Amino acid sequence: MEKNIYIMRWYGPFADMESARDWDRTNQIPCSLYLMSGMKKYAKSSVHYYIGKAERNLITDRFKDKNHHINDFSRIKEIWLGSFANKKASHDDVMLVENMITSYFVGEVGKDKMLNKINLCLPNSNVYVLSEWINPYSELAWEKLSRNSPANIVADVIVNKANDNAFNYYLYVSKKLKKQEKKQRYV
């Protein structure tokens, strides 16, 4: 039985740190991961990304840290806060999912667009990550978001299959899950 199966519920996008912090304070949803996009200082048009973790009561407290990467952005485009929907996440779970998403993300946008300097290689175990992108105010899933949104870059399903015998790793993805119209059942 596989143990590394995670359903991530991503809340956002928040346009700035204050709106993310207000939502984080008023909701009792424990978030452990976050995705950010924005303009790096002195960048004219290039969007950069950062994926991070925080195991605190309020994830947004992490943004106040002196050397946090949020300070590398001159303008924030989006912040997404991620919660584990199917289990109470341990420290190892948080680290594994951060590694999985970061290593997938860097393959999509390139190292030059990432502020992350670690977790750029896939983990050496089987990992399954399913992501849902939720409007934090309506609790409904987003159907359309901007092209550069982290929600459109991270696949809804990411599967890393590790073959221990030959040290081969296979990545399987499904970019966006499509909502199907309800079919009438015939009895």
C-alpha atoms as a PDB file:
ATOM      1  CA  MET A   1       0.000   0.000   0.000  1.00  0.00           C
ATOM      2  CA  GLU A   2       1.379   3.389  -1.001  1.00  0.00           C
ATOM      3  CA  LYS A   3       1.754   5.829   1.886  1.00  0.00           C
ATOM      4  CA  ASN A   4       2.897   8.964   0.043  1.00  0.00           C
ATOM      5  CA  ILE A   5      -0.474  10.030  -1.344  1.00  0.00           C
ATOM      6  CA  TYR A   6      -1.382  13.665  -0.789  1.00  0.00           C
ATOM      7  CA  ILE A   7      -4.362  15.818  -1.680  1.00  0.00           C
ATOM      8  CA  MET A   8      -3.368  19.472  -1.540  1.00  0.00           C
ATOM      9  CA  ARG A   9      -6.002  22.165  -1.328  1.00  0.00           C
ATOM     10  CA  TRP A  10      -4.523  25.473  -2.506  1.00  0.00           C
ATOM     11  CA  TYR A  11      -6.320  28.656  -1.415  1.00  0.00           C
ATOM     12  CA  GLY A  12      -5.836  31.824  -3.418  1.00  0.00           C
ATOM     13  CA  PRO A  13      -4.790  33.714  -5.307  1.00  0.00           C
ATOM     14  CA  PHE A  14      -4.050  36.474  -2.827  1.00  0.00           C
ATOM     15  CA  ALA A  15      -2.730  39.682  -4.351  1.00  0.00           C
ATOM     16  CA  ASP A  16      -0.540  40.621  -1.413  1.00  0.00           C
ATOM     17  CA  MET A  17       0.807  39.520   1.937  1.00  0.00           C
ATOM     18  CA  GLU A  18      -1.846  41.417   3.900  1.00  0.00           C
ATOM     19  CA  SER A  19      -4.835  39.735   2.220  1.00  0.00           C
ATOM     20  CA  ALA A  20      -3.197  36.315   2.625  1.00  0.00           C
ATOM     21  CA  ARG A  21      -2.526  37.091   6.294  1.00  0.00           C
ATOM     22  CA  ASP A  22      -6.111  38.300   6.915  1.00  0.00           C
ATOM     23  CA  TRP A  23      -7.518  35.109   5.408  1.00  0.00           C
ATOM     24  CA  ASP A  24      -4.997  32.959   7.306  1.00  0.00           C
ATOM     25  CA  ARG A  25      -5.998  34.608  10.606  1.00  0.00           C
ATOM     26  CA  THR A  26      -9.758  34.257  10.151  1.00  0.00           C
ATOM     27  CA  ASN A  27      -9.830  30.659   8.882  1.00  0.00           C
ATOM     28  CA  GLN A  28      -8.998  27.600  10.918  1.00  0.00           C
ATOM     29  CA  ILE A  29      -7.363  25.801   7.979  1.00  0.00           C
ATOM     30  CA  PRO A  30      -3.827  24.636   8.780  1.00  0.00           C
ATOM     31  CA  CYS A  31      -1.641  25.535   5.795  1.00  0.00           C
ATOM     32  CA  SER A  32       1.906  24.186   5.481  1.00  0.00           C
ATOM     33  CA  LEU A  33       2.996  25.176   1.966  1.00  0.00           C
ATOM     34  CA  TYR A  34       2.814  28.290  -0.167  1.00  0.00           C
ATOM     35  CA  LEU A  35       3.425  29.287  -3.775  1.00  0.00           C
ATOM     36  CA  MET A  36       4.351  32.829  -4.780  1.00  0.00           C
ATOM     37  CA  SER A  37       4.757  34.625  -8.051  1.00  0.00           C
ATOM     38  CA  GLY A  38       5.864  38.156  -8.677  1.00  0.00           C
ATOM     39  CA  MET A  39       8.269  40.573 -10.229  1.00  0.00           C
ATOM     40  CA  LYS A  40      11.798  40.380  -8.926  1.00  0.00           C
ATOM     41  CA  LYS A  41      13.501  43.628  -8.004  1.00  0.00           C
ATOM     42  CA  TYR A  42      14.808  45.378 -11.140  1.00  0.00           C
ATOM     43  CA  ALA A  43      12.968  42.941 -13.460  1.00  0.00           C
ATOM     44  CA  LYS A  44      10.966  44.652 -16.181  1.00  0.00           C
ATOM     45  CA  SER A  45       8.584  41.901 -17.227  1.00  0.00           C
ATOM     46  CA  SER A  46       9.822  38.510 -16.070  1.00  0.00           C
ATOM     47  CA  VAL A  47       7.694  36.644 -13.517  1.00  0.00           C
ATOM     48  CA  HIS A  48       9.580  34.672 -10.862  1.00  0.00           C
ATOM     49  CA  TYR A  49       8.320  31.977  -8.501  1.00  0.00           C
ATOM     50  CA  TYR A  50       8.998  30.646  -5.029  1.00  0.00           C
ATOM     51  CA  ILE A  51       7.657  27.547  -3.276  1.00  0.00           C
ATOM     52  CA  GLY A  52       8.086  27.277   0.458  1.00  0.00           C
ATOM     53  CA  LYS A  53       6.966  25.615   3.641  1.00  0.00           C
ATOM     54  CA  ALA A  54       6.199  26.779   7.146  1.00  0.00           C
ATOM     55  CA  GLU A  55       5.121  24.690  10.084  1.00  0.00           C
ATOM     56  CA  ARG A  56       3.671  27.443  12.241  1.00  0.00           C
ATOM     57  CA  ASN A  57       0.221  28.305  13.555  1.00  0.00           C
ATOM     58  CA  LEU A  58      -0.078  30.990  10.883  1.00  0.00           C
ATOM     59  CA  ILE A  59       1.812  30.201   7.705  1.00  0.00           C
ATOM     60  CA  THR A  60       1.941  33.882   6.846  1.00  0.00           C
ATOM     61  CA  ASP A  61       4.134  34.523   9.921  1.00  0.00           C
ATOM     62  CA  ARG A  62       6.903  33.001   7.790  1.00  0.00           C
ATOM     63  CA  PHE A  63       6.703  35.973   5.402  1.00  0.00           C
ATOM     64  CA  LYS A  64       7.878  38.305   8.197  1.00  0.00           C
ATOM     65  CA  ASP A  65      11.221  36.512   8.590  1.00  0.00           C
ATOM     66  CA  LYS A  66      14.154  38.798   7.866  1.00  0.00           C
ATOM     67  CA  ASN A  67      15.697  36.787   5.013  1.00  0.00           C
ATOM     68  CA  HIS A  68      12.493  35.461   3.445  1.00  0.00           C
ATOM     69  CA  HIS A  69      12.300  35.370  -0.354  1.00  0.00           C
ATOM     70  CA  ILE A  70       9.183  37.528  -0.326  1.00  0.00           C
ATOM     71  CA  ASN A  71      11.639  40.415   0.105  1.00  0.00           C
ATOM     72  CA  ASP A  72      13.169  39.545  -3.306  1.00  0.00           C
ATOM     73  CA  PHE A  73       9.921  40.570  -5.008  1.00  0.00           C
ATOM     74  CA  SER A  74       9.289  44.203  -5.821  1.00  0.00           C
ATOM     75  CA  ARG A  75       5.689  43.324  -6.681  1.00  0.00           C
ATOM     76  CA  ILE A  76       3.688  40.230  -5.681  1.00  0.00           C
ATOM     77  CA  LYS A  77       1.372  38.840  -8.340  1.00  0.00           C
ATOM     78  CA  GLU A  78      -0.103  35.856  -6.480  1.00  0.00           C
ATOM     79  CA  ILE A  79       0.202  33.982  -3.213  1.00  0.00           C
ATOM     80  CA  TRP A  80      -1.368  30.538  -2.747  1.00  0.00           C
ATOM     81  CA  LEU A  81      -1.604  28.819   0.653  1.00  0.00           C
ATOM     82  CA  GLY A  82      -1.596  25.011   0.622  1.00  0.00           C
ATOM     83  CA  SER A  83      -3.296  22.691   3.089  1.00  0.00           C
ATOM     84  CA  PHE A  84      -3.182  18.894   3.278  1.00  0.00           C
ATOM     85  CA  ALA A  85      -6.774  17.777   2.728  1.00  0.00           C
ATOM     86  CA  ASN A  86      -6.430  14.045   3.315  1.00  0.00           C
ATOM     87  CA  LYS A  87      -4.190  13.797   6.378  1.00  0.00           C
ATOM     88  CA  LYS A  88      -2.543  15.627   9.222  1.00  0.00           C
ATOM     89  CA  ALA A  89       0.831  16.262   7.673  1.00  0.00           C
ATOM     90  CA  SER A  90       4.015  15.335   9.461  1.00  0.00           C
ATOM     91  CA  HIS A  91       7.251  17.255   8.947  1.00  0.00           C
ATOM     92  CA  ASP A  92       8.377  14.547   6.487  1.00  0.00           C
ATOM     93  CA  ASP A  93       5.103  14.852   4.534  1.00  0.00           C
ATOM     94  CA  VAL A  94       5.541  18.623   4.208  1.00  0.00           C
ATOM     95  CA  MET A  95       9.160  18.229   3.077  1.00  0.00           C
ATOM     96  CA  LEU A  96       8.268  15.527   0.545  1.00  0.00           C
ATOM     97  CA  VAL A  97       5.416  17.479  -1.064  1.00  0.00           C
ATOM     98  CA  GLU A  98       7.496  20.672  -1.171  1.00  0.00           C
ATOM     99  CA  ASN A  99      10.272  18.700  -2.883  1.00  0.00           C
ATOM    100  CA  MET A 100       7.859  17.100  -5.350  1.00  0.00           C
ATOM    101  CA  ILE A 101       6.158  20.361  -6.355  1.00  0.00           C
ATOM    102  CA  THR A 102       9.401  22.355  -6.535  1.00  0.00           C
ATOM    103  CA  SER A 103      11.156  19.753  -8.684  1.00  0.00           C
ATOM    104  CA  TYR A 104       8.161  19.593 -11.022  1.00  0.00           C
ATOM    105  CA  PHE A 105       7.815  23.386 -11.132  1.00  0.00           C
ATOM    106  CA  VAL A 106      11.463  24.029 -12.059  1.00  0.00           C
ATOM    107  CA  GLY A 107      11.016  21.674 -15.019  1.00  0.00           C
ATOM    108  CA  GLU A 108       8.100  23.790 -16.208  1.00  0.00           C
ATOM    109  CA  VAL A 109       9.518  27.311 -15.810  1.00  0.00           C
ATOM    110  CA  GLY A 110      13.299  26.775 -15.638  1.00  0.00           C
ATOM    111  CA  LYS A 111      15.859  27.431 -12.887  1.00  0.00           C
ATOM    112  CA  ASP A 112      16.269  31.066 -13.880  1.00  0.00           C
ATOM    113  CA  LYS A 113      12.613  31.818 -12.981  1.00  0.00           C
ATOM    114  CA  MET A 114      12.794  30.089  -9.590  1.00  0.00           C
ATOM    115  CA  LEU A 115      14.003  31.690  -6.386  1.00  0.00           C
ATOM    116  CA  ASN A 116      14.308  28.201  -4.867  1.00  0.00           C
ATOM    117  CA  LYS A 117      17.854  26.851  -4.797  1.00  0.00           C
ATOM    118  CA  ILE A 118      17.077  23.426  -3.273  1.00  0.00           C
ATOM    119  CA  ASN A 119      14.617  20.591  -3.953  1.00  0.00           C
ATOM    120  CA  LEU A 120      15.224  20.754  -7.694  1.00  0.00           C
ATOM    121  CA  CYS A 121      15.433  16.947  -8.140  1.00  0.00           C
ATOM    122  CA  LEU A 122      12.583  14.480  -7.796  1.00  0.00           C
ATOM    123  CA  PRO A 123      12.399  12.481  -4.549  1.00  0.00           C
ATOM    124  CA  ASN A 124      13.639   8.872  -4.544  1.00  0.00           C
ATOM    125  CA  SER A 125      10.294   7.373  -3.510  1.00  0.00           C
ATOM    126  CA  ASN A 126       6.860   6.931  -5.030  1.00  0.00           C
ATOM    127  CA  VAL A 127       4.840  10.103  -4.435  1.00  0.00           C
ATOM    128  CA  TYR A 128       1.344  11.061  -5.570  1.00  0.00           C
ATOM    129  CA  VAL A 129       0.218  14.694  -5.306  1.00  0.00           C
ATOM    130  CA  LEU A 130      -3.257  15.845  -6.317  1.00  0.00           C
ATOM    131  CA  SER A 131      -3.934  19.588  -6.217  1.00  0.00           C
ATOM    132  CA  GLU A 132      -7.221  21.449  -5.962  1.00  0.00           C
ATOM    133  CA  TRP A 133      -7.294  25.218  -6.557  1.00  0.00           C
ATOM    134  CA  ILE A 134      -9.871  26.860  -4.313  1.00  0.00           C
ATOM    135  CA  ASN A 135     -11.287  30.383  -4.183  1.00  0.00           C
ATOM    136  CA  PRO A 136     -10.716  31.242  -0.498  1.00  0.00           C
ATOM    137  CA  TYR A 137     -13.888  33.297  -0.206  1.00  0.00           C
ATOM    138  CA  SER A 138     -16.404  31.027  -1.951  1.00  0.00           C
ATOM    139  CA  GLU A 139     -14.734  27.653  -1.175  1.00  0.00           C
ATOM    140  CA  LEU A 140     -15.425  26.675  -4.811  1.00  0.00           C
ATOM    141  CA  ALA A 141     -12.802  25.374  -7.209  1.00  0.00           C
ATOM    142  CA  TRP A 142     -11.397  27.847  -9.710  1.00  0.00           C
ATOM    143  CA  GLU A 143     -12.156  27.037 -13.323  1.00  0.00           C
ATOM    144  CA  LYS A 144     -10.061  29.733 -15.026  1.00  0.00           C
ATOM    145  CA  LEU A 145      -6.941  31.553 -13.887  1.00  0.00           C
ATOM    146  CA  SER A 146      -4.243  33.587 -15.597  1.00  0.00           C
ATOM    147  CA  ARG A 147      -1.682  31.791 -17.761  1.00  0.00           C
ATOM    148  CA  ASN A 148       1.266  32.669 -15.481  1.00  0.00           C
ATOM    149  CA  SER A 149      -0.578  31.676 -12.321  1.00  0.00           C
ATOM    150  CA  PRO A 150       1.174  28.990 -10.273  1.00  0.00           C
ATOM    151  CA  ALA A 151      -2.201  27.201 -10.375  1.00  0.00           C
ATOM    152  CA  ASN A 152      -1.834  26.832 -14.151  1.00  0.00           C
ATOM    153  CA  ILE A 153       1.802  25.770 -13.950  1.00  0.00           C
ATOM    154  CA  VAL A 154       1.500  23.061 -11.287  1.00  0.00           C
ATOM    155  CA  ALA A 155      -0.259  20.032 -12.729  1.00  0.00           C
ATOM    156  CA  ASP A 156      -3.381  18.904 -10.900  1.00  0.00           C
ATOM    157  CA  VAL A 157      -1.916  15.398 -10.673  1.00  0.00           C
ATOM    158  CA  ILE A 158       1.809  14.708 -10.281  1.00  0.00           C
ATOM    159  CA  VAL A 159       3.028  11.144  -9.803  1.00  0.00           C
ATOM    160  CA  ASN A 160       6.644  10.158  -9.268  1.00  0.00           C
ATOM    161  CA  LYS A 161       7.253   6.445  -9.760  1.00  0.00           C
ATOM    162  CA  ALA A 162      10.655   5.372  -8.489  1.00  0.00           C
ATOM    163  CA  ASN A 163      12.144   2.135  -9.781  1.00  0.00           C
ATOM    164  CA  ASP A 164      14.641   1.243  -7.042  1.00  0.00           C
ATOM    165  CA  ASN A 165      16.362  -1.508  -9.011  1.00  0.00           C
ATOM    166  CA  ALA A 166      17.797   0.653 -11.779  1.00  0.00           C
ATOM    167  CA  PHE A 167      17.508   4.098 -10.112  1.00  0.00           C
ATOM    168  CA  ASN A 168      15.089   5.193 -12.828  1.00  0.00           C
ATOM    169  CA  TYR A 169      12.384   7.702 -12.027  1.00  0.00           C
ATOM    170  CA  TYR A 170       9.267   8.295 -14.062  1.00  0.00           C
ATOM    171  CA  LEU A 171       7.134  11.397 -13.738  1.00  0.00           C
ATOM    172  CA  TYR A 172       3.476  11.209 -14.752  1.00  0.00           C
ATOM    173  CA  VAL A 173       1.258  14.298 -14.853  1.00  0.00           C
ATOM    174  CA  SER A 174      -2.230  15.415 -15.744  1.00  0.00           C
ATOM    175  CA  LYS A 175      -2.131  19.156 -16.374  1.00  0.00           C
ATOM    176  CA  LYS A 176      -5.709  20.068 -15.582  1.00  0.00           C
ATOM    177  CA  LEU A 177      -8.552  17.829 -14.542  1.00  0.00           C
ATOM    178  CA  LYS A 178     -11.646  18.605 -16.524  1.00  0.00           C
ATOM    179  CA  LYS A 179     -15.076  18.821 -15.023  1.00  0.00           C
ATOM    180  CA  GLN A 180     -17.477  16.491 -16.788  1.00  0.00           C
ATOM    181  CA  GLU A 181     -21.148  17.196 -17.110  1.00  0.00           C
ATOM    182  CA  LYS A 182     -23.308  14.979 -14.961  1.00  0.00           C
ATOM    183  CA  LYS A 183     -24.563  12.043 -16.992  1.00  0.00           C
ATOM    184  CA  GLN A 184     -28.046  10.783 -16.453  1.00  0.00           C
ATOM    185  CA  ARG A 185     -28.107   7.267 -15.070  1.00  0.00           C
ATOM    186  CA  TYR A 186     -30.424   4.826 -16.744  1.00  0.00           C
ATOM    187  CA  VAL A 187     -32.035   2.211 -14.563  1.00  0.00           C
END
